[in-house]
Amino acid sequence: MKLLSIVIPCYNSENYMRNCIDSLLPGGEDVEIIIVDDGSHGDRTAEIADEYAALYPTIVKAVHQLNGGHGAAVNTGIRNATGLYFKVVDSDDWVKEEAYMQVLETLREKTGTSRVLDMLICNFVYEKEGEKRKKVMNYRHILPTDQLFSWEDCHHFTKGHYILMHSVIFRTKLLRECGLELPAHTFYVDNLYVFEPLPYVENMYYLDVNFYRYYIGREDQSVNETVMISRIDQQIFVNKRMIDYFTELSEEIREDKRLYQYMYNYLEIITTVSSVLLLRSGTKEHLAMKRELWEYLKGKDKRLFGSMRRGIMGAAMNLPGSGGRRLAVDAYHICQKIFKFN
């Protein structure tokens, strides 16, 4: 059995996938690299995947499937994983070797101990196109370092500090036991990946190293604001699924105050992003979609709706008139500059 399975979802990734794969190979025989060719066509993604599988048959697996999107590729990775732990690395991203070695050593140390490690958290770095100064997302002063801890040991998560897909390594069995199945042909499912398993996470470990390098800035990238507006229906779909999940498990989640606070805050920021993108577009159709999203939340849980609606972000997203919409969008752009997203 491998220590760590790493899935690389690939769709027409020939221009950058080698850099990603090469950064992961130093893990050696402790690591299983699963390259999922998600129905690529017109480029050499499938060929490159097979090339690496032939060169490193004990480390690399190449899996070819009909196009199903990022979520379907991650699902395939989970099904094929033989490692104790599981990591997603997107094909245009990469990892730093020194931090990678520390990650593997930490996983080795925690394997077989009396307390099972469910989730390892590391820092990630925004490798934003055209910017020399890199934004590092770390969890210092929020999470205890170099020790196993539970939700009750966490400090308050500030706005802009969330556990993203780039940050986490999950125990593979936990992902299977929680029944995680990401929707196919849908963007932004990474939000579900770092949301739905959380009630099943009991023990965590924070390794304060800059492990994952998150490339951002391509015009066709899914997190580009213009692209997000064009795919707003998928953002709303994911947002509503998060609302469904949170409200259906609310009583169970409430039993752990810190877990509830964190999941509440994460749902709040996703709903804010959905709202501001709809405001940013400003069409009658999209403004109606924003109202409908908030009505959907109200229909699921009036108390949750009231709490979010009265919050700073909820109030800002629902200011009346065109002036209110401009203020909301301006606030969003200030957050973009501070936290370096989109």
C-alpha atoms as a PDB file:
ATOM      1  CA  MET A   1       0.000   0.000   0.000  1.00  0.00           C
ATOM      2  CA  LYS A   2       1.243   3.484  -0.873  1.00  0.00           C
ATOM      3  CA  LEU A   3       1.500   6.279   1.672  1.00  0.00           C
ATOM      4  CA  LEU A   4      -0.012   9.004  -0.519  1.00  0.00           C
ATOM      5  CA  SER A   5      -2.140   8.928  -3.668  1.00  0.00           C
ATOM      6  CA  ILE A   6      -2.083  12.101  -5.766  1.00  0.00           C
ATOM      7  CA  VAL A   7      -4.615  12.605  -8.540  1.00  0.00           C
ATOM      8  CA  ILE A   8      -3.886  15.025 -11.374  1.00  0.00           C
ATOM      9  CA  PRO A   9      -7.088  15.851 -13.310  1.00  0.00           C
ATOM     10  CA  CYS A  10      -6.038  16.674 -16.877  1.00  0.00           C
ATOM     11  CA  TYR A  11      -8.005  18.125 -19.748  1.00  0.00           C
ATOM     12  CA  ASN A  12      -5.979  19.370 -22.726  1.00  0.00           C
ATOM     13  CA  SER A  13      -3.092  19.990 -20.340  1.00  0.00           C
ATOM     14  CA  GLU A  14      -0.122  19.248 -22.606  1.00  0.00           C
ATOM     15  CA  ASN A  15       1.414  22.713 -22.098  1.00  0.00           C
ATOM     16  CA  TYR A  16       1.873  22.459 -18.335  1.00  0.00           C
ATOM     17  CA  MET A  17       1.229  18.931 -17.032  1.00  0.00           C
ATOM     18  CA  ARG A  18       4.893  17.879 -17.254  1.00  0.00           C
ATOM     19  CA  ASN A  19       5.905  20.558 -14.763  1.00  0.00           C
ATOM     20  CA  CYS A  20       3.219  19.308 -12.380  1.00  0.00           C
ATOM     21  CA  ILE A  21       4.136  15.617 -12.705  1.00  0.00           C
ATOM     22  CA  ASP A  22       7.882  16.274 -12.463  1.00  0.00           C
ATOM     23  CA  SER A  23       7.379  18.153  -9.202  1.00  0.00           C
ATOM     24  CA  LEU A  24       5.643  15.087  -7.719  1.00  0.00           C
ATOM     25  CA  LEU A  25       8.060  12.353  -8.843  1.00  0.00           C
ATOM     26  CA  PRO A  26      10.593  13.020  -6.027  1.00  0.00           C
ATOM     27  CA  GLY A  27       8.082  11.363  -3.678  1.00  0.00           C
ATOM     28  CA  GLY A  28       9.351   8.054  -5.038  1.00  0.00           C
ATOM     29  CA  GLU A  29       7.766   4.747  -4.113  1.00  0.00           C
ATOM     30  CA  ASP A  30       5.833   6.231  -1.179  1.00  0.00           C
ATOM     31  CA  VAL A  31       3.656   8.032  -3.693  1.00  0.00           C
ATOM     32  CA  GLU A  32       1.134   6.971  -6.293  1.00  0.00           C
ATOM     33  CA  ILE A  33       0.499   9.545  -9.028  1.00  0.00           C
ATOM     34  CA  ILE A  34      -2.821   9.015 -10.806  1.00  0.00           C
ATOM     35  CA  ILE A  35      -3.041  11.039 -14.020  1.00  0.00           C
ATOM     36  CA  VAL A  36      -6.674  11.201 -15.104  1.00  0.00           C
ATOM     37  CA  ASP A  37      -7.028  12.120 -18.763  1.00  0.00           C
ATOM     38  CA  ASP A  38     -10.556  13.517 -18.722  1.00  0.00           C
ATOM     39  CA  GLY A  39     -11.474  13.089 -22.384  1.00  0.00           C
ATOM     40  CA  SER A  40      -8.753  15.348 -23.757  1.00  0.00           C
ATOM     41  CA  HIS A  41      -8.803  15.819 -27.519  1.00  0.00           C
ATOM     42  CA  GLY A  42      -6.703  17.643 -30.064  1.00  0.00           C
ATOM     43  CA  ASP A  43      -3.569  17.675 -27.916  1.00  0.00           C
ATOM     44  CA  ARG A  44      -1.051  15.233 -26.404  1.00  0.00           C
ATOM     45  CA  THR A  45      -2.418  14.941 -22.845  1.00  0.00           C
ATOM     46  CA  ALA A  46      -3.262  11.239 -23.190  1.00  0.00           C
ATOM     47  CA  GLU A  47       0.077  10.475 -24.833  1.00  0.00           C
ATOM     48  CA  ILE A  48       2.043  12.299 -22.123  1.00  0.00           C
ATOM     49  CA  ALA A  49       0.115  10.464 -19.394  1.00  0.00           C
ATOM     50  CA  ASP A  50       0.930   7.101 -20.979  1.00  0.00           C
ATOM     51  CA  GLU A  51       4.563   8.141 -21.414  1.00  0.00           C
ATOM     52  CA  TYR A  52       4.992   8.785 -17.681  1.00  0.00           C
ATOM     53  CA  ALA A  53       3.135   5.579 -16.777  1.00  0.00           C
ATOM     54  CA  ALA A  54       5.555   3.620 -18.971  1.00  0.00           C
ATOM     55  CA  LEU A  55       8.624   5.369 -17.546  1.00  0.00           C
ATOM     56  CA  TYR A  56       7.527   5.015 -13.898  1.00  0.00           C
ATOM     57  CA  PRO A  57       5.254   1.941 -13.802  1.00  0.00           C
ATOM     58  CA  THR A  58       5.425   1.533 -10.010  1.00  0.00           C
ATOM     59  CA  ILE A  59       4.625   5.200  -9.328  1.00  0.00           C
ATOM     60  CA  VAL A  60       2.420   6.568 -12.126  1.00  0.00           C
ATOM     61  CA  LYS A  61      -0.983   5.342 -13.295  1.00  0.00           C
ATOM     62  CA  ALA A  62      -2.656   6.737 -16.405  1.00  0.00           C
ATOM     63  CA  VAL A  63      -6.448   6.569 -16.445  1.00  0.00           C
ATOM     64  CA  HIS A  64      -8.404   7.612 -19.542  1.00  0.00           C
ATOM     65  CA  GLN A  65     -12.101   8.441 -19.385  1.00  0.00           C
ATOM     66  CA  LEU A  66     -14.823  10.250 -21.263  1.00  0.00           C
ATOM     67  CA  ASN A  67     -14.990  13.917 -20.384  1.00  0.00           C
ATOM     68  CA  GLY A  68     -16.774  14.442 -17.078  1.00  0.00           C
ATOM     69  CA  GLY A  69     -15.133  17.558 -15.713  1.00  0.00           C
ATOM     70  CA  HIS A  70     -12.906  18.205 -12.716  1.00  0.00           C
ATOM     71  CA  GLY A  71     -15.236  16.545 -10.216  1.00  0.00           C
ATOM     72  CA  ALA A  72     -15.517  13.351 -12.234  1.00  0.00           C
ATOM     73  CA  ALA A  73     -11.717  13.199 -12.513  1.00  0.00           C
ATOM     74  CA  VAL A  74     -11.354  13.568  -8.731  1.00  0.00           C
ATOM     75  CA  ASN A  75     -13.984  10.839  -8.220  1.00  0.00           C
ATOM     76  CA  THR A  76     -11.970   8.565 -10.506  1.00  0.00           C
ATOM     77  CA  GLY A  77      -8.858   9.327  -8.504  1.00  0.00           C
ATOM     78  CA  ILE A  78     -10.568   8.393  -5.226  1.00  0.00           C
ATOM     79  CA  ARG A  79     -11.856   5.126  -6.722  1.00  0.00           C
ATOM     80  CA  ASN A  80      -8.403   4.165  -8.013  1.00  0.00           C
ATOM     81  CA  ALA A  81      -6.370   5.309  -5.021  1.00  0.00           C
ATOM     82  CA  THR A  82      -4.438   2.735  -3.013  1.00  0.00           C
ATOM     83  CA  GLY A  83      -2.677   5.226  -0.746  1.00  0.00           C
ATOM     84  CA  LEU A  84      -3.518   5.807   2.907  1.00  0.00           C
ATOM     85  CA  TYR A  85      -3.859   9.527   2.142  1.00  0.00           C
ATOM     86  CA  PHE A  86      -5.198  11.420  -0.850  1.00  0.00           C
ATOM     87  CA  LYS A  87      -4.249  14.706  -2.505  1.00  0.00           C
ATOM     88  CA  VAL A  88      -5.534  16.597  -5.569  1.00  0.00           C
ATOM     89  CA  VAL A  89      -2.984  18.583  -7.581  1.00  0.00           C
ATOM     90  CA  ASP A  90      -4.323  20.418 -10.620  1.00  0.00           C
ATOM     91  CA  SER A  91      -2.345  19.989 -13.818  1.00  0.00           C
ATOM     92  CA  ASP A  92      -1.228  23.636 -14.028  1.00  0.00           C
ATOM     93  CA  ASP A  93      -0.035  23.698 -10.407  1.00  0.00           C
ATOM     94  CA  TRP A  94       3.002  22.153  -8.729  1.00  0.00           C
ATOM     95  CA  VAL A  95       4.623  21.505  -5.347  1.00  0.00           C
ATOM     96  CA  LYS A  96       7.926  22.540  -3.786  1.00  0.00           C
ATOM     97  CA  GLU A  97      10.277  19.612  -3.178  1.00  0.00           C
ATOM     98  CA  GLU A  98      11.599  20.547   0.274  1.00  0.00           C
ATOM     99  CA  ALA A  99       8.099  21.046   1.656  1.00  0.00           C
ATOM    100  CA  TYR A 100       6.955  17.878  -0.173  1.00  0.00           C
ATOM    101  CA  MET A 101       9.558  15.828   1.698  1.00  0.00           C
ATOM    102  CA  GLN A 102       8.355  17.293   4.987  1.00  0.00           C
ATOM    103  CA  VAL A 103       4.768  16.411   4.122  1.00  0.00           C
ATOM    104  CA  LEU A 104       5.680  12.791   3.402  1.00  0.00           C
ATOM    105  CA  GLU A 105       7.732  12.513   6.575  1.00  0.00           C
ATOM    106  CA  THR A 106       4.824  13.873   8.623  1.00  0.00           C
ATOM    107  CA  LEU A 107       2.415  11.369   7.070  1.00  0.00           C
ATOM    108  CA  ARG A 108       4.867   8.534   7.812  1.00  0.00           C
ATOM    109  CA  GLU A 109       5.151   9.611  11.437  1.00  0.00           C
ATOM    110  CA  LYS A 110       1.385   9.761  11.933  1.00  0.00           C
ATOM    111  CA  THR A 111       0.638   6.425  10.281  1.00  0.00           C
ATOM    112  CA  GLY A 112      -0.109   3.704  12.775  1.00  0.00           C
ATOM    113  CA  THR A 113      -0.398   5.970  15.820  1.00  0.00           C
ATOM    114  CA  SER A 114      -3.231   5.579  18.326  1.00  0.00           C
ATOM    115  CA  ARG A 115      -4.995   8.705  17.014  1.00  0.00           C
ATOM    116  CA  VAL A 116      -5.797   8.498  13.321  1.00  0.00           C
ATOM    117  CA  LEU A 117      -4.888  11.556  11.254  1.00  0.00           C
ATOM    118  CA  ASP A 118      -7.883  12.575   9.122  1.00  0.00           C
ATOM    119  CA  MET A 119      -6.647  15.775   7.493  1.00  0.00           C
ATOM    120  CA  LEU A 120      -3.219  17.317   6.998  1.00  0.00           C
ATOM    121  CA  ILE A 121      -3.184  21.063   6.307  1.00  0.00           C
ATOM    122  CA  CYS A 122      -0.310  22.990   4.704  1.00  0.00           C
ATOM    123  CA  ASN A 123       0.199  26.484   3.308  1.00  0.00           C
ATOM    124  CA  PHE A 124      -0.238  27.285  -0.358  1.00  0.00           C
ATOM    125  CA  VAL A 125       1.157  30.070  -2.502  1.00  0.00           C
ATOM    126  CA  TYR A 126      -0.681  32.077  -5.154  1.00  0.00           C
ATOM    127  CA  GLU A 127       1.561  32.018  -8.224  1.00  0.00           C
ATOM    128  CA  LYS A 128      -0.329  34.858  -9.878  1.00  0.00           C
ATOM    129  CA  GLU A 129       0.614  35.752 -13.441  1.00  0.00           C
ATOM    130  CA  GLY A 130       2.550  39.015 -13.666  1.00  0.00           C
ATOM    131  CA  GLU A 131       3.100  39.474  -9.926  1.00  0.00           C
ATOM    132  CA  LYS A 132       6.581  39.181  -8.412  1.00  0.00           C
ATOM    133  CA  ARG A 133       5.398  39.212  -4.812  1.00  0.00           C
ATOM    134  CA  LYS A 134       3.656  35.943  -4.026  1.00  0.00           C
ATOM    135  CA  LYS A 135       0.722  35.780  -1.627  1.00  0.00           C
ATOM    136  CA  VAL A 136       1.166  32.968   0.908  1.00  0.00           C
ATOM    137  CA  MET A 137      -1.949  31.571   2.544  1.00  0.00           C
ATOM    138  CA  ASN A 138      -0.936  30.222   5.940  1.00  0.00           C
ATOM    139  CA  TYR A 139      -2.858  29.248   9.060  1.00  0.00           C
ATOM    140  CA  ARG A 140      -0.541  30.566  11.761  1.00  0.00           C
ATOM    141  CA  HIS A 141      -2.379  31.920  14.816  1.00  0.00           C
ATOM    142  CA  ILE A 142      -5.443  29.915  13.708  1.00  0.00           C
ATOM    143  CA  LEU A 143      -4.317  26.293  13.944  1.00  0.00           C
ATOM    144  CA  PRO A 144      -1.963  24.655  16.440  1.00  0.00           C
ATOM    145  CA  THR A 145       1.321  23.640  14.806  1.00  0.00           C
ATOM    146  CA  ASP A 146       3.220  20.356  14.899  1.00  0.00           C
ATOM    147  CA  GLN A 147       0.615  18.426  16.868  1.00  0.00           C
ATOM    148  CA  LEU A 148      -2.588  16.512  16.364  1.00  0.00           C
ATOM    149  CA  PHE A 149      -5.612  18.636  17.240  1.00  0.00           C
ATOM    150  CA  SER A 150      -9.395  18.684  16.945  1.00  0.00           C
ATOM    151  CA  TRP A 151     -11.871  21.393  15.958  1.00  0.00           C
ATOM    152  CA  GLU A 152     -12.169  22.639  19.524  1.00  0.00           C
ATOM    153  CA  ASP A 153      -8.431  23.456  19.502  1.00  0.00           C
ATOM    154  CA  CYS A 154      -8.778  25.820  16.513  1.00  0.00           C
ATOM    155  CA  HIS A 155      -8.824  29.556  16.955  1.00  0.00           C
ATOM    156  CA  HIS A 156     -11.221  31.846  15.095  1.00  0.00           C
ATOM    157  CA  PHE A 157     -10.872  31.744  11.295  1.00  0.00           C
ATOM    158  CA  THR A 158     -10.689  35.285   9.962  1.00  0.00           C
ATOM    159  CA  LYS A 159     -12.321  36.382   6.709  1.00  0.00           C
ATOM    160  CA  GLY A 160     -10.186  35.259   3.792  1.00  0.00           C
ATOM    161  CA  HIS A 161      -8.663  32.311   5.649  1.00  0.00           C
ATOM    162  CA  TYR A 162     -10.262  29.083   4.543  1.00  0.00           C
ATOM    163  CA  ILE A 163      -9.083  25.525   4.106  1.00  0.00           C
ATOM    164  CA  LEU A 164      -9.023  25.139   0.329  1.00  0.00           C
ATOM    165  CA  MET A 165      -8.330  22.147  -1.892  1.00  0.00           C
ATOM    166  CA  HIS A 166      -4.738  23.322  -2.271  1.00  0.00           C
ATOM    167  CA  SER A 167      -4.283  23.189   1.520  1.00  0.00           C
ATOM    168  CA  VAL A 168      -5.481  19.698   2.343  1.00  0.00           C
ATOM    169  CA  ILE A 169      -4.552  16.058   2.283  1.00  0.00           C
ATOM    170  CA  PHE A 170      -7.383  13.782   3.436  1.00  0.00           C
ATOM    171  CA  ARG A 171      -7.305  10.235   4.713  1.00  0.00           C
ATOM    172  CA  THR A 172      -8.481   8.239   1.686  1.00  0.00           C
ATOM    173  CA  LYS A 173     -10.811   5.994   3.666  1.00  0.00           C
ATOM    174  CA  LEU A 174     -12.525   9.045   5.161  1.00  0.00           C
ATOM    175  CA  LEU A 175     -13.388  10.370   1.684  1.00  0.00           C
ATOM    176  CA  ARG A 176     -14.972   7.020   0.861  1.00  0.00           C
ATOM    177  CA  GLU A 177     -16.772   6.663   4.181  1.00  0.00           C
ATOM    178  CA  CYS A 178     -18.343  10.121   3.955  1.00  0.00           C
ATOM    179  CA  GLY A 179     -19.762   9.202   0.544  1.00  0.00           C
ATOM    180  CA  LEU A 180     -18.176  12.111  -1.296  1.00  0.00           C
ATOM    181  CA  GLU A 181     -19.247  12.093  -4.958  1.00  0.00           C
ATOM    182  CA  LEU A 182     -18.562  15.309  -6.816  1.00  0.00           C
ATOM    183  CA  PRO A 183     -20.965  16.272  -9.625  1.00  0.00           C
ATOM    184  CA  ALA A 184     -19.807  15.785 -13.207  1.00  0.00           C
ATOM    185  CA  HIS A 185     -19.648  18.547 -15.823  1.00  0.00           C
ATOM    186  CA  THR A 186     -19.590  21.183 -13.101  1.00  0.00           C
ATOM    187  CA  PHE A 187     -16.994  23.803 -12.234  1.00  0.00           C
ATOM    188  CA  TYR A 188     -16.200  25.000  -8.675  1.00  0.00           C
ATOM    189  CA  VAL A 189     -16.687  21.544  -7.125  1.00  0.00           C
ATOM    190  CA  ASP A 190     -13.487  22.113  -5.126  1.00  0.00           C
ATOM    191  CA  ASN A 191     -15.749  23.964  -2.667  1.00  0.00           C
ATOM    192  CA  LEU A 192     -17.683  20.738  -2.084  1.00  0.00           C
ATOM    193  CA  TYR A 193     -14.456  18.759  -1.743  1.00  0.00           C
ATOM    194  CA  VAL A 194     -13.317  20.870   1.217  1.00  0.00           C
ATOM    195  CA  PHE A 195     -16.787  21.227   2.752  1.00  0.00           C
ATOM    196  CA  GLU A 196     -18.673  17.932   2.780  1.00  0.00           C
ATOM    197  CA  PRO A 197     -15.972  15.756   4.436  1.00  0.00           C
ATOM    198  CA  LEU A 198     -15.480  18.150   7.373  1.00  0.00           C
ATOM    199  CA  PRO A 199     -18.086  16.685   9.789  1.00  0.00           C
ATOM    200  CA  TYR A 200     -16.186  13.387   9.510  1.00  0.00           C
ATOM    201  CA  VAL A 201     -12.817  14.957  10.366  1.00  0.00           C
ATOM    202  CA  GLU A 202     -11.857  14.443  14.015  1.00  0.00           C
ATOM    203  CA  ASN A 203      -8.070  14.796  14.053  1.00  0.00           C
ATOM    204  CA  MET A 204      -6.004  17.326  12.086  1.00  0.00           C
ATOM    205  CA  TYR A 205      -2.375  18.341  11.800  1.00  0.00           C
ATOM    206  CA  TYR A 206      -1.034  21.669  10.525  1.00  0.00           C
ATOM    207  CA  LEU A 207       2.397  21.627   8.898  1.00  0.00           C
ATOM    208  CA  ASP A 208       3.545  25.218   8.454  1.00  0.00           C
ATOM    209  CA  VAL A 209       5.331  24.834   5.103  1.00  0.00           C
ATOM    210  CA  ASN A 210       4.639  26.433   1.717  1.00  0.00           C
ATOM    211  CA  PHE A 211       3.839  23.196  -0.090  1.00  0.00           C
ATOM    212  CA  TYR A 212       1.369  23.839  -2.915  1.00  0.00           C
ATOM    213  CA  ARG A 213       1.926  26.383  -5.681  1.00  0.00           C
ATOM    214  CA  TYR A 214      -1.406  27.544  -7.090  1.00  0.00           C
ATOM    215  CA  TYR A 215      -1.058  29.078 -10.533  1.00  0.00           C
ATOM    216  CA  ILE A 216      -3.611  31.770 -11.282  1.00  0.00           C
ATOM    217  CA  GLY A 217      -3.940  34.224 -14.122  1.00  0.00           C
ATOM    218  CA  ARG A 218      -4.727  32.403 -17.375  1.00  0.00           C
ATOM    219  CA  GLU A 219      -7.548  34.094 -19.252  1.00  0.00           C
ATOM    220  CA  ASP A 220      -9.432  30.807 -19.687  1.00  0.00           C
ATOM    221  CA  GLN A 221      -9.012  29.778 -16.037  1.00  0.00           C
ATOM    222  CA  SER A 222     -12.231  28.859 -14.248  1.00  0.00           C
ATOM    223  CA  VAL A 223     -11.594  31.387 -11.445  1.00  0.00           C
ATOM    224  CA  ASN A 224     -11.228  34.304 -13.873  1.00  0.00           C
ATOM    225  CA  GLU A 225     -14.082  36.699 -12.994  1.00  0.00           C
ATOM    226  CA  THR A 226     -15.434  36.961 -16.547  1.00  0.00           C
ATOM    227  CA  VAL A 227     -15.355  33.173 -16.880  1.00  0.00           C
ATOM    228  CA  MET A 228     -17.102  32.767 -13.518  1.00  0.00           C
ATOM    229  CA  ILE A 229     -19.931  35.071 -14.577  1.00  0.00           C
ATOM    230  CA  SER A 230     -20.372  33.096 -17.803  1.00  0.00           C
ATOM    231  CA  ARG A 231     -20.655  29.915 -15.696  1.00  0.00           C
ATOM    232  CA  ILE A 232     -22.709  31.426 -12.903  1.00  0.00           C
ATOM    233  CA  ASP A 233     -25.326  28.682 -13.136  1.00  0.00           C
ATOM    234  CA  GLN A 234     -22.682  26.177 -12.014  1.00  0.00           C
ATOM    235  CA  GLN A 235     -21.539  28.403  -9.146  1.00  0.00           C
ATOM    236  CA  ILE A 236     -25.175  28.633  -8.010  1.00  0.00           C
ATOM    237  CA  PHE A 237     -25.600  24.853  -8.327  1.00  0.00           C
ATOM    238  CA  VAL A 238     -22.611  24.245  -6.053  1.00  0.00           C
ATOM    239  CA  ASN A 239     -23.765  26.984  -3.649  1.00  0.00           C
ATOM    240  CA  LYS A 240     -27.206  25.384  -3.316  1.00  0.00           C
ATOM    241  CA  ARG A 241     -25.737  21.937  -2.750  1.00  0.00           C
ATOM    242  CA  MET A 242     -23.656  23.413   0.075  1.00  0.00           C
ATOM    243  CA  ILE A 243     -26.794  24.991   1.551  1.00  0.00           C
ATOM    244  CA  ASP A 244     -28.588  21.631   1.321  1.00  0.00           C
ATOM    245  CA  TYR A 245     -25.727  19.775   2.987  1.00  0.00           C
ATOM    246  CA  PHE A 246     -25.283  22.303   5.777  1.00  0.00           C
ATOM    247  CA  THR A 247     -28.967  22.552   6.631  1.00  0.00           C
ATOM    248  CA  GLU A 248     -29.548  18.791   6.486  1.00  0.00           C
ATOM    249  CA  LEU A 249     -26.670  18.123   8.917  1.00  0.00           C
ATOM    250  CA  SER A 250     -27.056  21.309  10.964  1.00  0.00           C
ATOM    251  CA  GLU A 251     -28.010  19.597  14.225  1.00  0.00           C
ATOM    252  CA  GLU A 252     -25.052  17.227  14.003  1.00  0.00           C
ATOM    253  CA  ILE A 253     -22.648  20.021  13.013  1.00  0.00           C
ATOM    254  CA  ARG A 254     -23.890  22.274  15.843  1.00  0.00           C
ATOM    255  CA  GLU A 255     -22.600  19.760  18.375  1.00  0.00           C
ATOM    256  CA  ASP A 256     -19.095  21.048  17.627  1.00  0.00           C
ATOM    257  CA  LYS A 257     -19.062  24.821  18.016  1.00  0.00           C
ATOM    258  CA  ARG A 258     -15.824  25.444  16.082  1.00  0.00           C
ATOM    259  CA  LEU A 259     -16.799  23.149  13.236  1.00  0.00           C
ATOM    260  CA  TYR A 260     -20.184  24.871  12.939  1.00  0.00           C
ATOM    261  CA  GLN A 261     -18.579  28.314  12.983  1.00  0.00           C
ATOM    262  CA  TYR A 262     -16.091  27.360  10.288  1.00  0.00           C
ATOM    263  CA  MET A 263     -18.654  25.727   7.967  1.00  0.00           C
ATOM    264  CA  TYR A 264     -21.070  28.630   8.504  1.00  0.00           C
ATOM    265  CA  ASN A 265     -18.351  31.124   7.541  1.00  0.00           C
ATOM    266  CA  TYR A 266     -17.355  29.132   4.480  1.00  0.00           C
ATOM    267  CA  LEU A 267     -20.945  28.876   3.277  1.00  0.00           C
ATOM    268  CA  GLU A 268     -21.330  32.605   3.894  1.00  0.00           C
ATOM    269  CA  ILE A 269     -18.336  33.517   1.724  1.00  0.00           C
ATOM    270  CA  ILE A 270     -19.442  31.226  -1.121  1.00  0.00           C
ATOM    271  CA  THR A 271     -22.920  32.790  -1.015  1.00  0.00           C
ATOM    272  CA  THR A 272     -21.286  36.228  -1.025  1.00  0.00           C
ATOM    273  CA  VAL A 273     -19.171  35.341  -4.075  1.00  0.00           C
ATOM    274  CA  SER A 274     -22.259  34.052  -5.898  1.00  0.00           C
ATOM    275  CA  SER A 275     -24.181  37.203  -5.018  1.00  0.00           C
ATOM    276  CA  VAL A 276     -21.488  39.666  -6.022  1.00  0.00           C
ATOM    277  CA  LEU A 277     -20.876  37.940  -9.362  1.00  0.00           C
ATOM    278  CA  LEU A 278     -24.581  38.232 -10.118  1.00  0.00           C
ATOM    279  CA  LEU A 279     -24.463  41.905  -9.079  1.00  0.00           C
ATOM    280  CA  ARG A 280     -21.310  42.410 -11.149  1.00  0.00           C
ATOM    281  CA  SER A 281     -23.120  41.155 -14.227  1.00  0.00           C
ATOM    282  CA  GLY A 282     -26.095  43.394 -13.448  1.00  0.00           C
ATOM    283  CA  THR A 283     -28.509  41.876 -15.954  1.00  0.00           C
ATOM    284  CA  LYS A 284     -32.158  41.534 -14.967  1.00  0.00           C
ATOM    285  CA  GLU A 285     -31.842  37.764 -15.232  1.00  0.00           C
ATOM    286  CA  HIS A 286     -28.843  37.648 -12.906  1.00  0.00           C
ATOM    287  CA  LEU A 287     -30.356  40.046 -10.378  1.00  0.00           C
ATOM    288  CA  ALA A 288     -33.404  37.761 -10.289  1.00  0.00           C
ATOM    289  CA  MET A 289     -31.076  34.784  -9.747  1.00  0.00           C
ATOM    290  CA  LYS A 290     -29.526  36.545  -6.755  1.00  0.00           C
ATOM    291  CA  ARG A 291     -32.926  37.127  -5.175  1.00  0.00           C
ATOM    292  CA  GLU A 292     -33.864  33.509  -5.856  1.00  0.00           C
ATOM    293  CA  LEU A 293     -30.642  32.236  -4.234  1.00  0.00           C
ATOM    294  CA  TRP A 294     -31.403  34.098  -1.008  1.00  0.00           C
ATOM    295  CA  GLU A 295     -35.022  32.907  -1.113  1.00  0.00           C
ATOM    296  CA  TYR A 296     -33.703  29.352  -1.529  1.00  0.00           C
ATOM    297  CA  LEU A 297     -31.616  29.775   1.614  1.00  0.00           C
ATOM    298  CA  LYS A 298     -34.641  31.188   3.449  1.00  0.00           C
ATOM    299  CA  GLY A 299     -36.767  28.247   2.357  1.00  0.00           C
ATOM    300  CA  LYS A 300     -34.176  25.784   3.675  1.00  0.00           C
ATOM    301  CA  ASP A 301     -33.575  27.410   7.050  1.00  0.00           C
ATOM    302  CA  LYS A 302     -35.126  30.717   8.127  1.00  0.00           C
ATOM    303  CA  ARG A 303     -32.826  31.083  11.123  1.00  0.00           C
ATOM    304  CA  LEU A 304     -29.728  30.543   8.971  1.00  0.00           C
ATOM    305  CA  PHE A 305     -31.076  32.977   6.375  1.00  0.00           C
ATOM    306  CA  GLY A 306     -31.727  35.619   9.014  1.00  0.00           C
ATOM    307  CA  SER A 307     -28.284  35.243  10.516  1.00  0.00           C
ATOM    308  CA  MET A 308     -26.521  35.558   7.151  1.00  0.00           C
ATOM    309  CA  ARG A 309     -28.795  38.334   5.943  1.00  0.00           C
ATOM    310  CA  ARG A 310     -28.030  40.421   9.044  1.00  0.00           C
ATOM    311  CA  GLY A 311     -24.283  39.820   8.772  1.00  0.00           C
ATOM    312  CA  ILE A 312     -21.933  42.401   7.259  1.00  0.00           C
ATOM    313  CA  MET A 313     -21.511  40.538   3.986  1.00  0.00           C
ATOM    314  CA  GLY A 314     -25.158  39.562   3.653  1.00  0.00           C
ATOM    315  CA  ALA A 315     -26.280  43.141   4.311  1.00  0.00           C
ATOM    316  CA  ALA A 316     -23.773  44.466   1.767  1.00  0.00           C
ATOM    317  CA  MET A 317     -24.958  42.027  -0.897  1.00  0.00           C
ATOM    318  CA  ASN A 318     -28.567  43.115  -0.439  1.00  0.00           C
ATOM    319  CA  LEU A 319     -28.281  46.900  -0.380  1.00  0.00           C
ATOM    320  CA  PRO A 320     -31.129  48.455  -2.366  1.00  0.00           C
ATOM    321  CA  GLY A 321     -30.817  50.139  -5.758  1.00  0.00           C
ATOM    322  CA  SER A 322     -27.996  50.553  -8.249  1.00  0.00           C
ATOM    323  CA  GLY A 323     -25.962  52.517  -5.689  1.00  0.00           C
ATOM    324  CA  GLY A 324     -26.112  49.617  -3.269  1.00  0.00           C
ATOM    325  CA  ARG A 325     -25.017  47.220  -5.995  1.00  0.00           C
ATOM    326  CA  ARG A 326     -22.012  49.433  -6.811  1.00  0.00           C
ATOM    327  CA  LEU A 327     -20.962  49.532  -3.155  1.00  0.00           C
ATOM    328  CA  ALA A 328     -21.163  45.754  -2.927  1.00  0.00           C
ATOM    329  CA  VAL A 329     -19.025  45.271  -6.029  1.00  0.00           C
ATOM    330  CA  ASP A 330     -16.488  47.861  -4.810  1.00  0.00           C
ATOM    331  CA  ALA A 331     -16.159  46.002  -1.496  1.00  0.00           C
ATOM    332  CA  TYR A 332     -15.610  42.764  -3.410  1.00  0.00           C
ATOM    333  CA  HIS A 333     -12.812  44.321  -5.466  1.00  0.00           C
ATOM    334  CA  ILE A 334     -11.091  45.551  -2.301  1.00  0.00           C
ATOM    335  CA  CYS A 335     -11.151  41.962  -1.013  1.00  0.00           C
ATOM    336  CA  GLN A 336      -9.681  40.774  -4.327  1.00  0.00           C
ATOM    337  CA  LYS A 337      -6.695  43.076  -3.848  1.00  0.00           C
ATOM    338  CA  ILE A 338      -6.173  42.034  -0.246  1.00  0.00           C
ATOM    339  CA  PHE A 339      -6.546  38.289  -0.669  1.00  0.00           C
ATOM    340  CA  LYS A 340      -5.248  37.991  -4.284  1.00  0.00           C
ATOM    341  CA  PHE A 341      -8.068  35.779  -5.597  1.00  0.00           C
ATOM    342  CA  ASN A 342      -9.468  35.910  -9.168  1.00  0.00           C
END
